[in-house]
Structures are given as structure tokens and as C-alpha cells.
């Protein structure tokens, strides 16, 4: 996840904070995450 997030201009620390639930991502960040993970937004909470 972290390597893909770097290629999509989402800082690795920010991605880790989202994963650790210390930050709430914006819609734009969610879209970048879903693109990097190749999943739909609805699959992220799983």
C-alpha cells in the first residue's frame, strides 16, 4: 500500500495514519487509496 500511495501523490505517513485511524481521509484521498489498492470505495472499511 505505501509504495503505491507514493506513486499517487499520497504521502506514506498520511496513508499510515489513515490506516491507524488517527486521521480521517478526504474524499480525494479516498479516491487515491482506492485507485492504489485497485478496490471500490465501499470495500475500504472491510
N, C-alpha and C. Protein backbone atom coordinates (compact mmCIF):
# COMPACT_ATOMS: atom_id res chain seq x y z
N UNK A 1 0.83 -1.19 0.00
CA UNK A 1 0.00 0.00 0.00
C UNK A 1 0.87 1.25 0.00
N UNK A 2 1.86 1.30 0.84
CA UNK A 2 2.66 2.50 0.96
C UNK A 2 3.39 2.82 -0.33
N UNK A 3 3.94 1.82 -1.01
CA UNK A 3 4.65 2.09 -2.26
C UNK A 3 3.71 2.63 -3.32
N UNK A 4 2.52 2.07 -3.41
CA UNK A 4 1.56 2.57 -4.39
C UNK A 4 1.09 3.96 -4.03
N UNK A 5 0.96 4.26 -2.74
CA UNK A 5 0.49 5.59 -2.33
C UNK A 5 1.49 6.66 -2.75
N UNK A 6 2.78 6.33 -2.72
CA UNK A 6 3.79 7.30 -3.15
C UNK A 6 3.64 7.65 -4.61
N UNK A 7 3.29 6.68 -5.43
CA UNK A 7 3.16 6.94 -6.86
C UNK A 7 1.91 7.75 -7.17
N UNK A 8 0.98 7.82 -6.23
CA UNK A 8 -0.26 8.57 -6.46
C UNK A 8 -0.29 9.88 -5.67
N UNK A 9 0.86 10.35 -5.22
CA UNK A 9 1.00 11.63 -4.53
C UNK A 9 0.25 11.65 -3.20
N UNK A 10 0.22 10.52 -2.52
CA UNK A 10 -0.35 10.45 -1.18
C UNK A 10 0.80 10.07 -0.27
N UNK A 11 1.15 10.94 0.63
CA UNK A 11 2.33 10.71 1.46
C UNK A 11 2.19 9.44 2.29
N UNK A 12 3.26 8.68 2.39
CA UNK A 12 3.23 7.39 3.08
C UNK A 12 2.87 7.52 4.55
N UNK A 13 3.29 8.60 5.20
CA UNK A 13 2.95 8.80 6.61
C UNK A 13 1.45 9.05 6.75
N UNK A 14 0.91 9.86 5.85
CA UNK A 14 -0.52 10.13 5.87
C UNK A 14 -1.32 8.86 5.63
N UNK A 15 -0.87 8.04 4.70
CA UNK A 15 -1.54 6.76 4.43
C UNK A 15 -1.50 5.87 5.66
N UNK A 16 -0.37 5.86 6.36
CA UNK A 16 -0.24 5.05 7.57
C UNK A 16 -1.14 5.59 8.68
N UNK A 17 -1.29 6.90 8.77
CA UNK A 17 -2.17 7.50 9.78
C UNK A 17 -3.63 7.16 9.50
N UNK A 18 -4.00 7.12 8.25
CA UNK A 18 -5.36 6.72 7.88
C UNK A 18 -5.57 5.27 8.29
N UNK A 19 -4.60 4.44 7.98
CA UNK A 19 -4.68 3.02 8.31
C UNK A 19 -4.74 2.82 9.83
N UNK A 20 -4.00 3.62 10.56
CA UNK A 20 -4.00 3.53 12.02
C UNK A 20 -5.18 4.25 12.67
N UNK A 21 -6.03 4.83 11.86
CA UNK A 21 -7.24 5.52 12.29
C UNK A 21 -6.96 6.75 13.15
N UNK A 22 -5.84 7.42 12.90
CA UNK A 22 -5.55 8.67 13.59
C UNK A 22 -5.88 9.88 12.73
N UNK A 23 -6.14 9.65 11.46
CA UNK A 23 -6.55 10.71 10.52
C UNK A 23 -7.80 10.26 9.77
N UNK A 24 -8.62 11.24 9.43
CA UNK A 24 -9.81 10.98 8.63
C UNK A 24 -9.51 11.47 7.22
N UNK A 25 -9.55 10.57 6.23
CA UNK A 25 -9.18 10.97 4.87
C UNK A 25 -10.25 11.81 4.19
N UNK A 26 -9.81 12.68 3.31
CA UNK A 26 -10.74 13.44 2.48
C UNK A 26 -11.24 12.54 1.37
N UNK A 27 -12.23 13.02 0.66
CA UNK A 27 -12.75 12.24 -0.47
C UNK A 27 -11.66 12.02 -1.52
N UNK A 28 -10.87 13.04 -1.77
CA UNK A 28 -9.78 12.92 -2.75
C UNK A 28 -8.77 11.87 -2.31
N UNK A 29 -8.46 11.83 -1.02
CA UNK A 29 -7.52 10.83 -0.51
C UNK A 29 -8.11 9.43 -0.63
N UNK A 30 -9.41 9.30 -0.35
CA UNK A 30 -10.06 8.00 -0.50
C UNK A 30 -9.99 7.52 -1.94
N UNK A 31 -10.20 8.44 -2.88
CA UNK A 31 -10.13 8.08 -4.28
C UNK A 31 -8.73 7.62 -4.67
N UNK A 32 -7.70 8.29 -4.13
CA UNK A 32 -6.32 7.89 -4.40
C UNK A 32 -6.04 6.52 -3.81
N UNK A 33 -6.52 6.28 -2.59
CA UNK A 33 -6.32 4.98 -1.95
C UNK A 33 -6.98 3.87 -2.72
N UNK A 34 -8.21 4.10 -3.14
CA UNK A 34 -8.92 3.05 -3.87
C UNK A 34 -8.24 2.76 -5.21
N UNK A 35 -7.72 3.80 -5.84
CA UNK A 35 -7.01 3.60 -7.10
C UNK A 35 -5.72 2.80 -6.86
N UNK A 36 -5.00 3.14 -5.79
CA UNK A 36 -3.75 2.44 -5.48
C UNK A 36 -4.00 0.99 -5.11
N UNK A 37 -5.08 0.74 -4.38
CA UNK A 37 -5.40 -0.61 -3.93
C UNK A 37 -6.21 -1.40 -4.94
N UNK A 38 -6.68 -0.70 -5.96
CA UNK A 38 -7.49 -1.32 -7.01
C UNK A 38 -8.77 -1.96 -6.44
N UNK A 39 -9.45 -1.18 -5.57
CA UNK A 39 -10.72 -1.61 -4.99
C UNK A 39 -11.71 -0.47 -5.10
N UNK A 40 -12.98 -0.77 -4.84
CA UNK A 40 -14.01 0.26 -4.83
C UNK A 40 -14.09 0.85 -3.43
N UNK A 41 -14.59 2.10 -3.34
CA UNK A 41 -14.65 2.81 -2.06
C UNK A 41 -15.40 1.99 -1.01
N UNK A 42 -16.44 1.33 -1.38
CA UNK A 42 -17.23 0.53 -0.44
C UNK A 42 -16.48 -0.64 0.17
N UNK A 43 -15.37 -1.05 -0.42
CA UNK A 43 -14.60 -2.18 0.09
C UNK A 43 -13.55 -1.75 1.13
N UNK A 44 -13.27 -0.45 1.26
CA UNK A 44 -12.24 0.01 2.18
C UNK A 44 -12.51 -0.32 3.65
N UNK A 45 -13.73 -0.17 4.14
CA UNK A 45 -13.94 -0.46 5.58
C UNK A 45 -13.74 -1.93 5.96
N UNK A 46 -13.69 -2.83 5.01
CA UNK A 46 -13.59 -4.27 5.32
C UNK A 46 -12.28 -4.63 5.93
